[in-house]
Amino acid sequence: MQPIHIIAILVRLFAVWLFINSIERVALLFIPTPVESSFYLLHIAAISELLGSIILWNFPTLISKKLVPLEPNSLTHDKLSLNDWYRLAFVTLGIFLLLQAISDSFYWLTYMHFLKEQNISYVFSEDTPENKASITSTAFEFALAVVFIFSSKHIISLIRSTKVKI
């Protein structure tokens, strides 16, 4: 099995998680409510999650080829090289962090939307230390996930260039 196939499996699992996560938001679309400007935000979130899960489910190999490009020498042998294992590990960790960050982001967007509906202006500097830490860690998780997924090749070359060889 090539690294692309393993990442394609992870992309499909991510699509299933995204679909399950979108079921509640899609169900909210069928509940009659007064139309507000914030209601359109829920429509956009529900539809984008649903479409994203469908695209990820139907094109996992195409997406995995973009995340882990094929190297010429990786097609000639059945065993994965150390670089392939590193890349798989970083992309897997990046996808896991992305799941966490997306889940936490929806929580914080809902929290801020609730405050807006209550006519309470949200000011980050006046929030509790726990909320500040959680919002900051969500942003950090998202940034780290993007770096792990899209820059795994550069991270691997940085690891390989250190004095300690594995």
N, C-alpha and C. Protein backbone atom coordinates (compact mmCIF):
# COMPACT_ATOMS: atom_id res chain seq x y z
N MET A 1 0.85 -1.17 0.00
CA MET A 1 0.00 0.00 0.00
C MET A 1 0.90 1.24 0.00
N GLN A 2 0.62 2.15 -0.89
CA GLN A 2 1.39 3.38 -1.01
C GLN A 2 0.90 4.42 0.00
N PRO A 3 1.73 5.42 0.32
CA PRO A 3 1.30 6.47 1.24
C PRO A 3 0.03 7.19 0.78
N ILE A 4 -0.12 7.31 -0.53
CA ILE A 4 -1.31 7.98 -1.07
C ILE A 4 -2.58 7.23 -0.68
N HIS A 5 -2.52 5.90 -0.67
CA HIS A 5 -3.69 5.10 -0.31
C HIS A 5 -4.02 5.27 1.17
N ILE A 6 -3.01 5.33 2.01
CA ILE A 6 -3.25 5.50 3.45
C ILE A 6 -3.86 6.87 3.72
N ILE A 7 -3.34 7.90 3.08
CA ILE A 7 -3.89 9.25 3.26
C ILE A 7 -5.30 9.32 2.67
N ALA A 8 -5.57 8.60 1.59
CA ALA A 8 -6.92 8.58 1.02
C ALA A 8 -7.91 7.98 2.01
N ILE A 9 -7.49 6.96 2.74
CA ILE A 9 -8.35 6.38 3.78
C ILE A 9 -8.62 7.42 4.86
N LEU A 10 -7.59 8.15 5.26
CA LEU A 10 -7.77 9.20 6.28
C LEU A 10 -8.69 10.31 5.77
N VAL A 11 -8.57 10.66 4.50
CA VAL A 11 -9.45 11.68 3.91
C VAL A 11 -10.89 11.20 3.93
N ARG A 12 -11.11 9.93 3.62
CA ARG A 12 -12.48 9.38 3.67
C ARG A 12 -13.02 9.38 5.09
N LEU A 13 -12.18 9.04 6.07
CA LEU A 13 -12.61 9.09 7.47
C LEU A 13 -12.96 10.52 7.88
N PHE A 14 -12.16 11.46 7.41
CA PHE A 14 -12.45 12.88 7.67
C PHE A 14 -13.78 13.27 7.05
N ALA A 15 -14.08 12.76 5.85
CA ALA A 15 -15.35 13.05 5.19
C ALA A 15 -16.52 12.49 5.99
N VAL A 16 -16.36 11.30 6.54
CA VAL A 16 -17.43 10.71 7.36
C VAL A 16 -17.65 11.56 8.61
N TRP A 17 -16.56 11.97 9.26
CA TRP A 17 -16.67 12.81 10.46
C TRP A 17 -17.36 14.12 10.11
N LEU A 18 -16.98 14.74 8.99
CA LEU A 18 -17.57 16.01 8.58
C LEU A 18 -19.06 15.83 8.27
N PHE A 19 -19.44 14.72 7.64
CA PHE A 19 -20.84 14.46 7.35
C PHE A 19 -21.65 14.29 8.63
N ILE A 20 -21.13 13.51 9.55
CA ILE A 20 -21.82 13.31 10.83
C ILE A 20 -21.95 14.62 11.58
N ASN A 21 -20.91 15.43 11.52
CA ASN A 21 -20.92 16.72 12.19
C ASN A 21 -21.92 17.69 11.56
N SER A 22 -22.19 17.52 10.25
CA SER A 22 -23.09 18.43 9.56
C SER A 22 -24.56 18.04 9.68
N ILE A 23 -24.85 16.84 10.14
CA ILE A 23 -26.24 16.38 10.21
C ILE A 23 -27.09 17.31 11.07
N GLU A 24 -26.58 17.71 12.22
CA GLU A 24 -27.35 18.60 13.10
C GLU A 24 -27.62 19.94 12.45
N ARG A 25 -26.62 20.51 11.77
CA ARG A 25 -26.81 21.81 11.13
C ARG A 25 -27.77 21.72 9.94
N VAL A 26 -27.72 20.62 9.22
CA VAL A 26 -28.65 20.44 8.10
C VAL A 26 -30.08 20.27 8.63
N ALA A 27 -30.22 19.56 9.74
CA ALA A 27 -31.56 19.40 10.34
C ALA A 27 -32.13 20.74 10.79
N LEU A 28 -31.27 21.65 11.23
CA LEU A 28 -31.74 22.97 11.65
C LEU A 28 -32.32 23.78 10.48
N LEU A 29 -31.91 23.45 9.26
CA LEU A 29 -32.42 24.17 8.10
C LEU A 29 -33.90 23.92 7.87
N PHE A 30 -34.42 22.80 8.36
CA PHE A 30 -35.80 22.44 8.11
C PHE A 30 -36.75 22.90 9.22
N ILE A 31 -36.21 23.53 10.25
CA ILE A 31 -37.04 24.06 11.32
C ILE A 31 -37.44 25.48 10.95
N PRO A 32 -38.75 25.76 10.90
CA PRO A 32 -39.16 27.12 10.54
C PRO A 32 -38.80 28.11 11.65
N THR A 33 -38.03 29.10 11.27
CA THR A 33 -37.62 30.15 12.21
C THR A 33 -37.72 31.49 11.50
N PRO A 34 -37.78 32.57 12.27
CA PRO A 34 -37.78 33.88 11.63
C PRO A 34 -36.43 34.12 10.94
N VAL A 35 -36.49 34.73 9.77
CA VAL A 35 -35.28 34.95 8.98
C VAL A 35 -34.53 36.15 9.54
N GLU A 36 -33.32 35.88 9.97
CA GLU A 36 -32.42 36.93 10.44
C GLU A 36 -31.16 36.87 9.61
N SER A 37 -30.34 37.89 9.73
CA SER A 37 -29.09 37.88 8.97
C SER A 37 -28.17 36.78 9.47
N SER A 38 -28.24 36.45 10.75
CA SER A 38 -27.37 35.41 11.29
C SER A 38 -27.84 34.01 10.87
N PHE A 39 -29.11 33.89 10.47
CA PHE A 39 -29.62 32.59 10.04
C PHE A 39 -28.95 32.14 8.75
N TYR A 40 -28.57 33.10 7.90
CA TYR A 40 -27.87 32.75 6.66
C TYR A 40 -26.49 32.17 6.95
N LEU A 41 -25.88 32.57 8.04
CA LEU A 41 -24.60 32.00 8.43
C LEU A 41 -24.75 30.52 8.73
N LEU A 42 -25.84 30.13 9.37
CA LEU A 42 -26.10 28.72 9.64
C LEU A 42 -26.32 27.95 8.34
N HIS A 43 -27.02 28.56 7.38
CA HIS A 43 -27.21 27.93 6.08
C HIS A 43 -25.87 27.69 5.39
N ILE A 44 -25.03 28.70 5.39
CA ILE A 44 -23.73 28.58 4.72
C ILE A 44 -22.88 27.51 5.40
N ALA A 45 -22.87 27.48 6.74
CA ALA A 45 -22.08 26.48 7.46
C ALA A 45 -22.59 25.07 7.17
N ALA A 46 -23.90 24.89 7.18
CA ALA A 46 -24.46 23.55 6.94
C ALA A 46 -24.19 23.08 5.53
N ILE A 47 -24.42 23.93 4.57
CA ILE A 47 -24.23 23.53 3.17
C ILE A 47 -22.76 23.31 2.86
N SER A 48 -21.88 24.16 3.40
CA SER A 48 -20.46 23.98 3.11
C SER A 48 -19.91 22.71 3.75
N GLU A 49 -20.36 22.37 4.95
CA GLU A 49 -19.94 21.11 5.56
C GLU A 49 -20.43 19.91 4.76
N LEU A 50 -21.67 19.97 4.34
CA LEU A 50 -22.24 18.86 3.58
C LEU A 50 -21.55 18.70 2.23
N LEU A 51 -21.34 19.80 1.52
CA LEU A 51 -20.65 19.73 0.24
C LEU A 51 -19.19 19.30 0.42
N GLY A 52 -18.56 19.80 1.47
CA GLY A 52 -17.17 19.41 1.74
C GLY A 52 -17.05 17.92 1.99
N SER A 53 -17.99 17.37 2.75
CA SER A 53 -17.94 15.93 3.02
C SER A 53 -18.18 15.11 1.75
N ILE A 54 -19.06 15.58 0.89
CA ILE A 54 -19.33 14.87 -0.37
C ILE A 54 -18.11 14.92 -1.29
N ILE A 55 -17.46 16.07 -1.37
CA ILE A 55 -16.27 16.21 -2.22
C ILE A 55 -15.14 15.34 -1.68
N LEU A 56 -14.93 15.38 -0.36
CA LEU A 56 -13.86 14.56 0.23
C LEU A 56 -14.14 13.07 0.05
N TRP A 57 -15.41 12.67 0.14
CA TRP A 57 -15.74 11.26 -0.02
C TRP A 57 -15.52 10.79 -1.46
N ASN A 58 -15.85 11.63 -2.43
CA ASN A 58 -15.77 11.22 -3.83
C ASN A 58 -14.37 11.34 -4.44
N PHE A 59 -13.52 12.19 -3.88
CA PHE A 59 -12.20 12.41 -4.46
C PHE A 59 -11.07 12.26 -3.44
N PRO A 60 -11.02 11.16 -2.68
CA PRO A 60 -9.96 11.04 -1.66
C PRO A 60 -8.57 10.86 -2.25
N THR A 61 -8.47 10.14 -3.37
CA THR A 61 -7.15 9.90 -3.97
C THR A 61 -6.59 11.17 -4.58
N LEU A 62 -7.44 11.96 -5.22
CA LEU A 62 -7.00 13.22 -5.80
C LEU A 62 -6.48 14.15 -4.71
N ILE A 63 -7.19 14.21 -3.61
CA ILE A 63 -6.77 15.07 -2.50
C ILE A 63 -5.50 14.54 -1.86
N SER A 64 -5.42 13.23 -1.70
CA SER A 64 -4.21 12.66 -1.07
C SER A 64 -2.99 12.83 -1.97
N LYS A 65 -3.17 12.85 -3.29
CA LYS A 65 -2.04 13.11 -4.18
C LYS A 65 -1.53 14.54 -4.02
N LYS A 66 -2.42 15.46 -3.69
CA LYS A 66 -1.99 16.84 -3.45
C LYS A 66 -1.27 16.96 -2.10
N LEU A 67 -1.73 16.19 -1.11
CA LEU A 67 -1.11 16.24 0.21
C LEU A 67 0.22 15.51 0.26
N VAL A 68 0.29 14.35 -0.39
CA VAL A 68 1.51 13.54 -0.41
C VAL A 68 1.83 13.25 -1.87
N PRO A 69 2.59 14.12 -2.52
CA PRO A 69 2.89 13.89 -3.94
C PRO A 69 3.75 12.64 -4.12
N LEU A 70 3.56 12.00 -5.25
CA LEU A 70 4.32 10.79 -5.56
C LEU A 70 5.78 11.13 -5.84
N GLU A 71 6.66 10.32 -5.29
CA GLU A 71 8.07 10.44 -5.60
C GLU A 71 8.40 9.30 -6.58
N PRO A 72 9.29 9.54 -7.54
CA PRO A 72 9.58 8.52 -8.55
C PRO A 72 10.07 7.20 -7.95
N ASN A 73 10.87 7.25 -6.89
CA ASN A 73 11.41 6.02 -6.33
C ASN A 73 10.42 5.29 -5.43
N SER A 74 9.30 5.92 -5.08
CA SER A 74 8.34 5.25 -4.20
C SER A 74 7.46 4.25 -4.95
N LEU A 75 7.44 4.32 -6.28
CA LEU A 75 6.61 3.40 -7.06
C LEU A 75 7.32 2.08 -7.37
N THR A 76 8.63 2.04 -7.13
CA THR A 76 9.38 0.86 -7.53
C THR A 76 9.49 -0.19 -6.44
N HIS A 77 9.10 0.12 -5.23
CA HIS A 77 9.22 -0.86 -4.14
C HIS A 77 7.94 -0.90 -3.32
N ASP A 78 7.75 -2.00 -2.65
CA ASP A 78 6.53 -2.18 -1.86
C ASP A 78 6.66 -1.62 -0.46
N LYS A 79 7.87 -1.56 0.07
CA LYS A 79 8.07 -1.06 1.43
C LYS A 79 8.13 0.45 1.42
N LEU A 80 7.60 1.03 2.48
CA LEU A 80 7.64 2.48 2.61
C LEU A 80 8.99 2.91 3.15
N SER A 81 9.50 4.01 2.61
CA SER A 81 10.76 4.55 3.10
C SER A 81 10.51 5.32 4.39
N LEU A 82 11.62 5.71 5.03
CA LEU A 82 11.50 6.48 6.27
C LEU A 82 10.84 7.82 6.01
N ASN A 83 11.15 8.45 4.88
CA ASN A 83 10.51 9.72 4.53
C ASN A 83 9.00 9.54 4.34
N ASP A 84 8.60 8.41 3.74
CA ASP A 84 7.17 8.14 3.56
C ASP A 84 6.48 8.00 4.92
N TRP A 85 7.12 7.31 5.85
CA TRP A 85 6.54 7.15 7.19
C TRP A 85 6.45 8.49 7.92
N TYR A 86 7.49 9.29 7.79
CA TYR A 86 7.45 10.64 8.39
C TYR A 86 6.28 11.44 7.81
N ARG A 87 6.18 11.43 6.49
CA ARG A 87 5.11 12.19 5.84
C ARG A 87 3.73 11.70 6.27
N LEU A 88 3.56 10.38 6.33
CA LEU A 88 2.29 9.82 6.80
C LEU A 88 1.98 10.25 8.23
N ALA A 89 2.99 10.22 9.07
CA ALA A 89 2.78 10.60 10.46
C ALA A 89 2.38 12.07 10.58
N PHE A 90 3.06 12.95 9.85
CA PHE A 90 2.74 14.37 9.94
C PHE A 90 1.37 14.69 9.35
N VAL A 91 1.03 14.08 8.24
CA VAL A 91 -0.29 14.32 7.64
C VAL A 91 -1.39 13.77 8.53
N THR A 92 -1.17 12.59 9.11
CA THR A 92 -2.16 12.01 10.03
C THR A 92 -2.36 12.91 11.25
N LEU A 93 -1.26 13.36 11.83
CA LEU A 93 -1.36 14.27 12.96
C LEU A 93 -2.03 15.58 12.56
N GLY A 94 -1.73 16.07 11.37
CA GLY A 94 -2.36 17.30 10.88
C GLY A 94 -3.86 17.14 10.70
N ILE A 95 -4.30 15.99 10.17
CA ILE A 95 -5.73 15.76 10.00
C ILE A 95 -6.43 15.66 11.36
N PHE A 96 -5.78 15.00 12.32
CA PHE A 96 -6.36 14.92 13.66
C PHE A 96 -6.48 16.31 14.29
N LEU A 97 -5.43 17.12 14.17
CA LEU A 97 -5.49 18.48 14.71
C LEU A 97 -6.54 19.32 13.99
N LEU A 98 -6.70 19.09 12.69
CA LEU A 98 -7.72 19.81 11.94
C LEU A 98 -9.12 19.45 12.42
N LEU A 99 -9.35 18.18 12.73
CA LEU A 99 -10.64 17.76 13.29
C LEU A 99 -10.91 18.50 14.60
N GLN A 100 -9.92 18.54 15.47
CA GLN A 100 -10.07 19.23 16.75
C GLN A 100 -10.33 20.72 16.54
N ALA A 101 -9.57 21.34 15.66
CA ALA A 101 -9.69 22.78 15.44
C ALA A 101 -11.04 23.14 14.83
N ILE A 102 -11.53 22.34 13.90
CA ILE A 102 -12.84 22.63 13.29
C ILE A 102 -13.94 22.48 14.33
N SER A 103 -13.87 21.45 15.13
CA SER A 103 -14.87 21.24 16.18
C SER A 103 -14.87 22.40 17.18
N ASP A 104 -13.69 22.80 17.63
CA ASP A 104 -13.59 23.91 18.58
C ASP A 104 -14.01 25.23 17.95
N SER A 105 -13.70 25.42 16.67
CA SER A 105 -14.07 26.65 15.97
C SER A 105 -15.58 26.81 15.90
N PHE A 106 -16.29 25.71 15.62
CA PHE A 106 -17.75 25.79 15.59
C PHE A 106 -18.30 26.13 16.98
N TYR A 107 -17.67 25.60 18.01
CA TYR A 107 -18.10 25.94 19.37
C TYR A 107 -17.93 27.44 19.62
N TRP A 108 -16.76 27.99 19.29
CA TRP A 108 -16.52 29.40 19.57
C TRP A 108 -17.34 30.32 18.67
N LEU A 109 -17.59 29.92 17.44
CA LEU A 109 -18.46 30.73 16.58
C LEU A 109 -19.90 30.74 17.11
N THR A 110 -20.36 29.61 17.59
CA THR A 110 -21.69 29.54 18.19
C THR A 110 -21.75 30.36 19.46
N TYR A 111 -20.71 30.31 20.26
CA TYR A 111 -20.64 31.09 21.51
C TYR A 111 -20.70 32.59 21.21
N MET A 112 -19.94 33.03 20.24
CA MET A 112 -19.94 34.47 19.89
C MET A 112 -21.26 34.88 19.25
N HIS A 113 -21.86 33.97 18.48
CA HIS A 113 -23.17 34.27 17.89
C HIS A 113 -24.23 34.39 18.99
N PHE A 114 -24.16 33.53 19.98
CA PHE A 114 -25.10 33.61 21.11
C PHE A 114 -24.94 34.94 21.85
N LEU A 115 -23.72 35.36 22.08
CA LEU A 115 -23.50 36.64 22.74
C LEU A 115 -24.04 37.79 21.90
N LYS A 116 -23.89 37.69 20.59
CA LYS A 116 -24.40 38.73 19.70
C LYS A 116 -25.92 38.81 19.77
N GLU A 117 -26.57 37.64 19.84
CA GLU A 117 -28.03 37.62 19.94
C GLU A 117 -28.51 38.20 21.27
N GLN A 118 -27.71 38.08 22.31
CA GLN A 118 -28.05 38.63 23.62
C GLN A 118 -27.64 40.10 23.74
N ASN A 119 -27.17 40.68 22.64
CA ASN A 119 -26.70 42.08 22.60
C ASN A 119 -25.54 42.32 23.56
N ILE A 120 -24.69 41.34 23.68
CA ILE A 120 -23.49 41.46 24.49
C ILE A 120 -22.32 41.54 23.53
N SER A 121 -21.56 42.59 23.61
CA SER A 121 -20.40 42.70 22.72
C SER A 121 -19.26 41.87 23.29
N TYR A 122 -18.67 41.08 22.42
CA TYR A 122 -17.59 40.19 22.85
C TYR A 122 -16.27 40.93 22.71
N VAL A 123 -15.53 40.99 23.81
CA VAL A 123 -14.20 41.58 23.82
C VAL A 123 -13.24 40.52 24.35
N PHE A 124 -12.26 40.16 23.53
CA PHE A 124 -11.33 39.09 23.90
C PHE A 124 -10.58 39.41 25.18
N SER A 125 -10.17 40.66 25.35
CA SER A 125 -9.37 41.02 26.52
C SER A 125 -10.16 40.96 27.82
N GLU A 126 -11.49 40.99 27.74
CA GLU A 126 -12.32 40.94 28.95
C GLU A 126 -12.83 39.53 29.25
N ASP A 127 -12.46 38.56 28.44
CA ASP A 127 -12.93 37.19 28.63
C ASP A 127 -12.15 36.52 29.75
N THR A 128 -12.66 35.37 30.21
CA THR A 128 -11.99 34.64 31.29
C THR A 128 -10.69 34.02 30.77
N PRO A 129 -9.74 33.77 31.65
CA PRO A 129 -8.47 33.17 31.21
C PRO A 129 -8.66 31.80 30.55
N GLU A 130 -9.63 31.02 31.01
CA GLU A 130 -9.87 29.71 30.42
C GLU A 130 -10.34 29.84 28.97
N ASN A 131 -11.26 30.78 28.73
CA ASN A 131 -11.75 30.99 27.37
C ASN A 131 -10.66 31.54 26.46
N LYS A 132 -9.85 32.47 26.98
CA LYS A 132 -8.73 32.99 26.19
C LYS A 132 -7.78 31.88 25.80
N ALA A 133 -7.47 31.02 26.77
CA ALA A 133 -6.56 29.91 26.49
C ALA A 133 -7.15 28.95 25.47
N SER A 134 -8.43 28.69 25.58
CA SER A 134 -9.07 27.76 24.65
C SER A 134 -9.14 28.33 23.23
N ILE A 135 -9.47 29.61 23.11
CA ILE A 135 -9.51 30.25 21.79
C ILE A 135 -8.12 30.28 21.18
N THR A 136 -7.13 30.60 21.97
CA THR A 136 -5.76 30.64 21.49
C THR A 136 -5.28 29.26 21.07
N SER A 137 -5.61 28.24 21.86
CA SER A 137 -5.19 26.88 21.49
C SER A 137 -5.91 26.40 20.24
N THR A 138 -7.15 26.82 20.02
CA THR A 138 -7.86 26.46 18.79
C THR A 138 -7.17 27.06 17.58
N ALA A 139 -6.80 28.33 17.69
CA ALA A 139 -6.09 28.98 16.58
C ALA A 139 -4.73 28.31 16.34
N PHE A 140 -4.04 27.97 17.42
CA PHE A 140 -2.74 27.32 17.30
C PHE A 140 -2.88 25.93 16.70
N GLU A 141 -3.91 25.17 17.10
CA GLU A 141 -4.15 23.85 16.53
C GLU A 141 -4.42 23.94 15.03
N PHE A 142 -5.21 24.92 14.64
CA PHE A 142 -5.52 25.08 13.22
C PHE A 142 -4.26 25.41 12.43
N ALA A 143 -3.46 26.34 12.94
CA ALA A 143 -2.23 26.72 12.24
C ALA A 143 -1.26 25.54 12.16
N LEU A 144 -1.14 24.81 13.25
CA LEU A 144 -0.24 23.65 13.27
C LEU A 144 -0.73 22.56 12.33
N ALA A 145 -2.05 22.37 12.25
CA ALA A 145 -2.61 21.37 11.33
C ALA A 145 -2.29 21.73 9.89
N VAL A 146 -2.44 22.99 9.55
CA VAL A 146 -2.14 23.42 8.18
C VAL A 146 -0.65 23.22 7.87
N VAL A 147 0.21 23.54 8.82
CA VAL A 147 1.65 23.35 8.62
C VAL A 147 1.98 21.87 8.47
N PHE A 148 1.42 21.02 9.33
CA PHE A 148 1.70 19.58 9.26
C PHE A 148 1.20 18.97 7.96
N ILE A 149 0.03 19.39 7.50
CA ILE A 149 -0.55 18.79 6.29
C ILE A 149 0.16 19.27 5.04
N PHE A 150 0.39 20.58 4.92
CA PHE A 150 0.90 21.12 3.66
C PHE A 150 2.40 21.33 3.63
N SER A 151 3.08 21.27 4.76
CA SER A 151 4.53 21.48 4.77
C SER A 151 5.28 20.30 5.35
N SER A 152 4.71 19.12 5.25
CA SER A 152 5.37 17.95 5.84
C SER A 152 6.71 17.67 5.18
N LYS A 153 6.83 17.95 3.90
CA LYS A 153 8.09 17.70 3.19
C LYS A 153 9.21 18.58 3.76
N HIS A 154 8.88 19.84 4.05
CA HIS A 154 9.88 20.75 4.60
C HIS A 154 10.25 20.38 6.04
N ILE A 155 9.27 19.92 6.80
CA ILE A 155 9.53 19.50 8.17
C ILE A 155 10.43 18.27 8.17
N ILE A 156 10.19 17.36 7.23
CA ILE A 156 11.01 16.15 7.13
C ILE A 156 12.45 16.51 6.77
N SER A 157 12.62 17.43 5.84
CA SER A 157 13.98 17.82 5.48
C SER A 157 14.67 18.52 6.64
N LEU A 158 13.92 19.26 7.45
CA LEU A 158 14.48 19.88 8.65
C LEU A 158 14.89 18.83 9.66
N ILE A 159 14.07 17.82 9.85
CA ILE A 159 14.40 16.73 10.78
C ILE A 159 15.63 15.96 10.27
N ARG A 160 15.66 15.68 8.99
CA ARG A 160 16.77 14.90 8.43
C ARG A 160 18.09 15.67 8.45
N SER A 161 18.02 17.01 8.49
CA SER A 161 19.25 17.80 8.48
C SER A 161 19.86 18.01 9.87
N THR A 162 19.19 17.54 10.91
CA THR A 162 19.75 17.68 12.24
C THR A 162 20.95 16.78 12.42
N LYS A 163 21.72 17.05 13.46
CA LYS A 163 22.94 16.26 13.70
C LYS A 163 22.62 14.83 14.10
N VAL A 164 21.53 14.61 14.81
CA VAL A 164 21.17 13.28 15.27
C VAL A 164 20.43 12.57 14.14
N LYS A 165 21.01 11.51 13.65
CA LYS A 165 20.40 10.74 12.56
C LYS A 165 19.69 9.53 13.15
N ILE A 166 18.51 9.27 12.64
CA ILE A 166 17.73 8.13 13.11
C ILE A 166 17.84 7.01 12.11
